[in-house]
Amino acid sequence: NGLVEDPMAEYRERPLLNVWTEQEKEIFKEKYLLHPKNFGSTASYLERKSVADCVQFYYLSKKTINYK
């Protein structure tokens, strides 16, 4: 039924599950510049990342990475 016994433990472990490597970040940036906000296309170049991962990475990094 999806019951989570310790939600704080789940929350603390989540960032460790899908860490972005420097190479993945570079590929994301290159492909994003070719296809802005087309996260499906961008995710297709990243083997271990989903569209949702790309969207989340974009919105968490757009203040620190210049995507223009």
PDB file of N, CA and C in Angstrom:
ATOM      1  N   ASN A   1       0.807  -1.194   0.000  1.00  0.00           N
ATOM      2  CA  ASN A   1       0.000   0.000   0.000  1.00  0.00           C
ATOM      3  C   ASN A   1       0.855   1.264   0.000  1.00  0.00           C
ATOM      4  N   GLY A   2       2.169   1.152  -0.006  1.00  0.00           N
ATOM      5  CA  GLY A   2       3.044   2.312  -0.083  1.00  0.00           C
ATOM      6  C   GLY A   2       3.310   2.990   1.250  1.00  0.00           C
ATOM      7  N   LEU A   3       3.006   2.305   2.358  1.00  0.00           N
ATOM      8  CA  LEU A   3       3.234   2.895   3.675  1.00  0.00           C
ATOM      9  C   LEU A   3       4.731   3.075   3.912  1.00  0.00           C
ATOM     10  N   VAL A   4       5.107   4.260   4.327  1.00  0.00           N
ATOM     11  CA  VAL A   4       6.495   4.566   4.643  1.00  0.00           C
ATOM     12  C   VAL A   4       6.604   4.677   6.153  1.00  0.00           C
ATOM     13  N   GLU A   5       7.361   3.766   6.750  1.00  0.00           N
ATOM     14  CA  GLU A   5       7.483   3.722   8.206  1.00  0.00           C
ATOM     15  C   GLU A   5       8.214   4.942   8.767  1.00  0.00           C
ATOM     16  N   ASP A   6       9.309   5.338   8.119  1.00  0.00           N
ATOM     17  CA  ASP A   6      10.101   6.473   8.593  1.00  0.00           C
ATOM     18  C   ASP A   6      10.313   7.450   7.435  1.00  0.00           C
ATOM     19  N   PRO A   7       9.413   8.415   7.255  1.00  0.00           N
ATOM     20  CA  PRO A   7       9.529   9.319   6.116  1.00  0.00           C
ATOM     21  C   PRO A   7      10.796  10.172   6.143  1.00  0.00           C
ATOM     22  N   MET A   8      11.298  10.528   7.303  1.00  0.00           N
ATOM     23  CA  MET A   8      12.517  11.335   7.374  1.00  0.00           C
ATOM     24  C   MET A   8      13.732  10.542   6.890  1.00  0.00           C
ATOM     25  N   ALA A   9      13.795   9.264   7.184  1.00  0.00           N
ATOM     26  CA  ALA A   9      14.885   8.426   6.702  1.00  0.00           C
ATOM     27  C   ALA A   9      14.822   8.329   5.180  1.00  0.00           C
ATOM     28  N   GLU A  10      13.623   8.173   4.632  1.00  0.00           N
ATOM     29  CA  GLU A  10      13.453   8.129   3.179  1.00  0.00           C
ATOM     30  C   GLU A  10      13.907   9.448   2.561  1.00  0.00           C
ATOM     31  N   TYR A  11      13.560  10.552   3.186  1.00  0.00           N
ATOM     32  CA  TYR A  11      13.925  11.873   2.681  1.00  0.00           C
ATOM     33  C   TYR A  11      15.442  12.075   2.695  1.00  0.00           C
ATOM     34  N   ARG A  12      16.099  11.641   3.760  1.00  0.00           N
ATOM     35  CA  ARG A  12      17.556  11.800   3.863  1.00  0.00           C
ATOM     36  C   ARG A  12      18.300  10.929   2.854  1.00  0.00           C
ATOM     37  N   GLU A  13      17.773   9.768   2.512  1.00  0.00           N
ATOM     38  CA  GLU A  13      18.429   8.852   1.580  1.00  0.00           C
ATOM     39  C   GLU A  13      18.192   9.236   0.120  1.00  0.00           C
ATOM     40  N   ARG A  14      17.155   9.986  -0.168  1.00  0.00           N
ATOM     41  CA  ARG A  14      16.786  10.293  -1.561  1.00  0.00           C
ATOM     42  C   ARG A  14      17.904  10.958  -2.361  1.00  0.00           C
ATOM     43  N   PRO A  15      18.623  11.957  -1.853  1.00  0.00           N
ATOM     44  CA  PRO A  15      19.685  12.567  -2.676  1.00  0.00           C
ATOM     45  C   PRO A  15      20.810  11.601  -3.040  1.00  0.00           C
ATOM     46  N   LEU A  16      20.956  10.530  -2.307  1.00  0.00           N
ATOM     47  CA  LEU A  16      22.024   9.576  -2.571  1.00  0.00           C
ATOM     48  C   LEU A  16      21.652   8.562  -3.644  1.00  0.00           C
ATOM     49  N   LEU A  17      20.394   8.496  -4.011  1.00  0.00           N
ATOM     50  CA  LEU A  17      19.933   7.472  -4.937  1.00  0.00           C
ATOM     51  C   LEU A  17      20.304   7.755  -6.386  1.00  0.00           C
ATOM     52  N   ASN A  18      20.269   8.996  -6.790  1.00  0.00           N
ATOM     53  CA  ASN A  18      20.475   9.315  -8.195  1.00  0.00           C
ATOM     54  C   ASN A  18      21.393  10.525  -8.320  1.00  0.00           C
ATOM     55  N   VAL A  19      22.645  10.338  -8.018  1.00  0.00           N
ATOM     56  CA  VAL A  19      23.629  11.412  -8.031  1.00  0.00           C
ATOM     57  C   VAL A  19      24.046  11.714  -9.475  1.00  0.00           C
ATOM     58  N   TRP A  20      24.169  12.985  -9.798  1.00  0.00           N
ATOM     59  CA  TRP A  20      24.603  13.414 -11.130  1.00  0.00           C
ATOM     60  C   TRP A  20      26.114  13.492 -11.163  1.00  0.00           C
ATOM     61  N   THR A  21      26.722  12.826 -12.143  1.00  0.00           N
ATOM     62  CA  THR A  21      28.168  12.926 -12.325  1.00  0.00           C
ATOM     63  C   THR A  21      28.471  14.203 -13.105  1.00  0.00           C
ATOM     64  N   GLU A  22      29.722  14.614 -13.093  1.00  0.00           N
ATOM     65  CA  GLU A  22      30.117  15.806 -13.848  1.00  0.00           C
ATOM     66  C   GLU A  22      29.875  15.600 -15.346  1.00  0.00           C
ATOM     67  N   GLN A  23      30.132  14.397 -15.824  1.00  0.00           N
ATOM     68  CA  GLN A  23      29.906  14.094 -17.240  1.00  0.00           C
ATOM     69  C   GLN A  23      28.419  14.208 -17.588  1.00  0.00           C
ATOM     70  N   GLU A  24      27.554  13.700 -16.727  1.00  0.00           N
ATOM     71  CA  GLU A  24      26.110  13.797 -16.962  1.00  0.00           C
ATOM     72  C   GLU A  24      25.656  15.255 -16.955  1.00  0.00           C
ATOM     73  N   LYS A  25      26.226  16.051 -16.079  1.00  0.00           N
ATOM     74  CA  LYS A  25      25.874  17.474 -16.027  1.00  0.00           C
ATOM     75  C   LYS A  25      26.267  18.175 -17.318  1.00  0.00           C
ATOM     76  N   GLU A  26      27.440  17.855 -17.840  1.00  0.00           N
ATOM     77  CA  GLU A  26      27.904  18.461 -19.092  1.00  0.00           C
ATOM     78  C   GLU A  26      27.014  18.041 -20.265  1.00  0.00           C
ATOM     79  N   ILE A  27      26.671  16.744 -20.324  1.00  0.00           N
ATOM     80  CA  ILE A  27      25.787  16.262 -21.390  1.00  0.00           C
ATOM     81  C   ILE A  27      24.437  16.946 -21.289  1.00  0.00           C
ATOM     82  N   PHE A  28      23.905  17.070 -20.075  1.00  0.00           N
ATOM     83  CA  PHE A  28      22.624  17.744 -19.874  1.00  0.00           C
ATOM     84  C   PHE A  28      22.689  19.174 -20.408  1.00  0.00           C
ATOM     85  N   LYS A  29      23.740  19.896 -20.037  1.00  0.00           N
ATOM     86  CA  LYS A  29      23.862  21.290 -20.459  1.00  0.00           C
ATOM     87  C   LYS A  29      23.954  21.406 -21.987  1.00  0.00           C
ATOM     88  N   GLU A  30      24.779  20.565 -22.611  1.00  0.00           N
ATOM     89  CA  GLU A  30      24.921  20.585 -24.073  1.00  0.00           C
ATOM     90  C   GLU A  30      23.584  20.307 -24.768  1.00  0.00           C
ATOM     91  N   LYS A  31      22.903  19.268 -24.339  1.00  0.00           N
ATOM     92  CA  LYS A  31      21.654  18.876 -24.991  1.00  0.00           C
ATOM     93  C   LYS A  31      20.523  19.840 -24.669  1.00  0.00           C
ATOM     94  N   TYR A  32      20.543  20.410 -23.468  1.00  0.00           N
ATOM     95  CA  TYR A  32      19.525  21.400 -23.118  1.00  0.00           C
ATOM     96  C   TYR A  32      19.658  22.627 -24.017  1.00  0.00           C
ATOM     97  N   LEU A  33      20.893  23.048 -24.297  1.00  0.00           N
ATOM     98  CA  LEU A  33      21.100  24.209 -25.164  1.00  0.00           C
ATOM     99  C   LEU A  33      20.635  23.939 -26.593  1.00  0.00           C
ATOM    100  N   LEU A  34      20.710  22.685 -27.031  1.00  0.00           N
ATOM    101  CA  LEU A  34      20.210  22.325 -28.365  1.00  0.00           C
ATOM    102  C   LEU A  34      18.681  22.268 -28.408  1.00  0.00           C
ATOM    103  N   HIS A  35      18.080  21.777 -27.315  1.00  0.00           N
ATOM    104  CA  HIS A  35      16.624  21.582 -27.243  1.00  0.00           C
ATOM    105  C   HIS A  35      16.103  22.160 -25.922  1.00  0.00           C
ATOM    106  N   PRO A  36      15.999  23.485 -25.804  1.00  0.00           N
ATOM    107  CA  PRO A  36      15.576  24.097 -24.531  1.00  0.00           C
ATOM    108  C   PRO A  36      14.211  23.594 -24.059  1.00  0.00           C
ATOM    109  N   LYS A  37      14.165  23.206 -22.817  1.00  0.00           N
ATOM    110  CA  LYS A  37      12.968  22.723 -22.118  1.00  0.00           C
ATOM    111  C   LYS A  37      12.292  21.524 -22.782  1.00  0.00           C
ATOM    112  N   ASN A  38      13.005  20.823 -23.650  1.00  0.00           N
ATOM    113  CA  ASN A  38      12.514  19.563 -24.193  1.00  0.00           C
ATOM    114  C   ASN A  38      13.234  18.466 -23.404  1.00  0.00           C
ATOM    115  N   PHE A  39      12.746  18.228 -22.197  1.00  0.00           N
ATOM    116  CA  PHE A  39      13.435  17.329 -21.282  1.00  0.00           C
ATOM    117  C   PHE A  39      13.390  15.875 -21.733  1.00  0.00           C
ATOM    118  N   GLY A  40      12.408  15.518 -22.526  1.00  0.00           N
ATOM    119  CA  GLY A  40      12.351  14.162 -23.071  1.00  0.00           C
ATOM    120  C   GLY A  40      13.524  13.892 -24.003  1.00  0.00           C
ATOM    121  N   SER A  41      13.812  14.868 -24.836  1.00  0.00           N
ATOM    122  CA  SER A  41      14.950  14.742 -25.753  1.00  0.00           C
ATOM    123  C   SER A  41      16.261  14.720 -24.972  1.00  0.00           C
ATOM    124  N   THR A  42      16.377  15.607 -24.007  1.00  0.00           N
ATOM    125  CA  THR A  42      17.595  15.675 -23.197  1.00  0.00           C
ATOM    126  C   THR A  42      17.822  14.369 -22.438  1.00  0.00           C
ATOM    127  N   ALA A  43      16.764  13.817 -21.856  1.00  0.00           N
ATOM    128  CA  ALA A  43      16.880  12.576 -21.085  1.00  0.00           C
ATOM    129  C   ALA A  43      17.280  11.394 -21.965  1.00  0.00           C
ATOM    130  N   SER A  44      16.944  11.450 -23.244  1.00  0.00           N
ATOM    131  CA  SER A  44      17.279  10.331 -24.129  1.00  0.00           C
ATOM    132  C   SER A  44      18.790  10.173 -24.312  1.00  0.00           C
ATOM    133  N   TYR A  45      19.554  11.217 -24.051  1.00  0.00           N
ATOM    134  CA  TYR A  45      21.012  11.153 -24.146  1.00  0.00           C
ATOM    135  C   TYR A  45      21.667  10.702 -22.843  1.00  0.00           C
ATOM    136  N   LEU A  46      20.885  10.627 -21.783  1.00  0.00           N
ATOM    137  CA  LEU A  46      21.402  10.254 -20.467  1.00  0.00           C
ATOM    138  C   LEU A  46      20.835   8.898 -20.072  1.00  0.00           C
ATOM    139  N   GLU A  47      21.688   7.906 -20.042  1.00  0.00           N
ATOM    140  CA  GLU A  47      21.262   6.524 -19.836  1.00  0.00           C
ATOM    141  C   GLU A  47      20.565   6.295 -18.492  1.00  0.00           C
ATOM    142  N   ARG A  48      21.088   6.885 -17.437  1.00  0.00           N
ATOM    143  CA  ARG A  48      20.562   6.607 -16.095  1.00  0.00           C
ATOM    144  C   ARG A  48      19.598   7.665 -15.564  1.00  0.00           C
ATOM    145  N   LYS A  49      19.152   8.579 -16.421  1.00  0.00           N
ATOM    146  CA  LYS A  49      18.285   9.666 -15.969  1.00  0.00           C
ATOM    147  C   LYS A  49      16.946   9.629 -16.699  1.00  0.00           C
ATOM    148  N   SER A  50      15.896   9.929 -15.954  1.00  0.00           N
ATOM    149  CA  SER A  50      14.558   9.993 -16.538  1.00  0.00           C
ATOM    150  C   SER A  50      14.220  11.445 -16.865  1.00  0.00           C
ATOM    151  N   VAL A  51      13.085  11.635 -17.499  1.00  0.00           N
ATOM    152  CA  VAL A  51      12.622  12.989 -17.790  1.00  0.00           C
ATOM    153  C   VAL A  51      12.420  13.750 -16.488  1.00  0.00           C
ATOM    154  N   ALA A  52      11.844  13.090 -15.498  1.00  0.00           N
ATOM    155  CA  ALA A  52      11.613  13.736 -14.202  1.00  0.00           C
ATOM    156  C   ALA A  52      12.935  14.138 -13.539  1.00  0.00           C
ATOM    157  N   ASP A  53      13.961  13.305 -13.672  1.00  0.00           N
ATOM    158  CA  ASP A  53      15.280  13.645 -13.131  1.00  0.00           C
ATOM    159  C   ASP A  53      15.825  14.897 -13.798  1.00  0.00           C
ATOM    160  N   CYS A  54      15.650  14.994 -15.110  1.00  0.00           N
ATOM    161  CA  CYS A  54      16.148  16.157 -15.849  1.00  0.00           C
ATOM    162  C   CYS A  54      15.397  17.425 -15.466  1.00  0.00           C
ATOM    163  N   VAL A  55      14.085  17.324 -15.333  1.00  0.00           N
ATOM    164  CA  VAL A  55      13.296  18.485 -14.920  1.00  0.00           C
ATOM    165  C   VAL A  55      13.738  18.953 -13.536  1.00  0.00           C
ATOM    166  N   GLN A  56      13.878  18.016 -12.616  1.00  0.00           N
ATOM    167  CA  GLN A  56      14.291  18.362 -11.258  1.00  0.00           C
ATOM    168  C   GLN A  56      15.687  18.989 -11.256  1.00  0.00           C
ATOM    169  N   PHE A  57      16.609  18.408 -12.001  1.00  0.00           N
ATOM    170  CA  PHE A  57      17.966  18.954 -12.059  1.00  0.00           C
ATOM    171  C   PHE A  57      17.954  20.370 -12.630  1.00  0.00           C
ATOM    172  N   TYR A  58      17.183  20.585 -13.683  1.00  0.00           N
ATOM    173  CA  TYR A  58      17.111  21.911 -14.296  1.00  0.00           C
ATOM    174  C   TYR A  58      16.633  22.957 -13.285  1.00  0.00           C
ATOM    175  N   TYR A  59      15.524  22.689 -12.619  1.00  0.00           N
ATOM    176  CA  TYR A  59      14.967  23.686 -11.711  1.00  0.00           C
ATOM    177  C   TYR A  59      15.819  23.878 -10.456  1.00  0.00           C
ATOM    178  N   LEU A  60      16.553  22.860 -10.047  1.00  0.00           N
ATOM    179  CA  LEU A  60      17.441  23.019  -8.889  1.00  0.00           C
ATOM    180  C   LEU A  60      18.752  23.717  -9.255  1.00  0.00           C
ATOM    181  N   SER A  61      19.127  23.692 -10.541  1.00  0.00           N
ATOM    182  CA  SER A  61      20.417  24.242 -10.927  1.00  0.00           C
ATOM    183  C   SER A  61      20.340  25.513 -11.762  1.00  0.00           C
ATOM    184  N   LYS A  62      19.159  25.937 -12.163  1.00  0.00           N
ATOM    185  CA  LYS A  62      19.066  27.050 -13.099  1.00  0.00           C
ATOM    186  C   LYS A  62      19.569  28.378 -12.523  1.00  0.00           C
ATOM    187  N   LYS A  63      19.625  28.501 -11.211  1.00  0.00           N
ATOM    188  CA  LYS A  63      20.164  29.724 -10.598  1.00  0.00           C
ATOM    189  C   LYS A  63      21.685  29.732 -10.579  1.00  0.00           C
ATOM    190  N   THR A  64      22.304  28.564 -10.618  1.00  0.00           N
ATOM    191  CA  THR A  64      23.767  28.485 -10.525  1.00  0.00           C
ATOM    192  C   THR A  64      24.463  28.188 -11.848  1.00  0.00           C
ATOM    193  N   ILE A  65      23.732  27.577 -12.796  1.00  0.00           N
ATOM    194  CA  ILE A  65      24.300  27.251 -14.103  1.00  0.00           C
ATOM    195  C   ILE A  65      23.664  28.168 -15.144  1.00  0.00           C
ATOM    196  N   ASN A  66      24.492  28.775 -15.968  1.00  0.00           N
ATOM    197  CA  ASN A  66      23.995  29.652 -17.015  1.00  0.00           C
ATOM    198  C   ASN A  66      23.569  28.808 -18.216  1.00  0.00           C
ATOM    199  N   TYR A  67      22.276  28.690 -18.450  1.00  0.00           N
ATOM    200  CA  TYR A  67      21.766  27.881 -19.555  1.00  0.00           C
ATOM    201  C   TYR A  67      21.516  28.700 -20.821  1.00  0.00           C
ATOM    202  N   LYS A  68      22.129  29.875 -20.923  1.00  0.00           N
ATOM    203  CA  LYS A  68      21.909  30.712 -22.103  1.00  0.00           C
ATOM    204  C   LYS A  68      23.141  30.767 -22.959  1.00  0.00           C
TER     205      LYS A  68
END
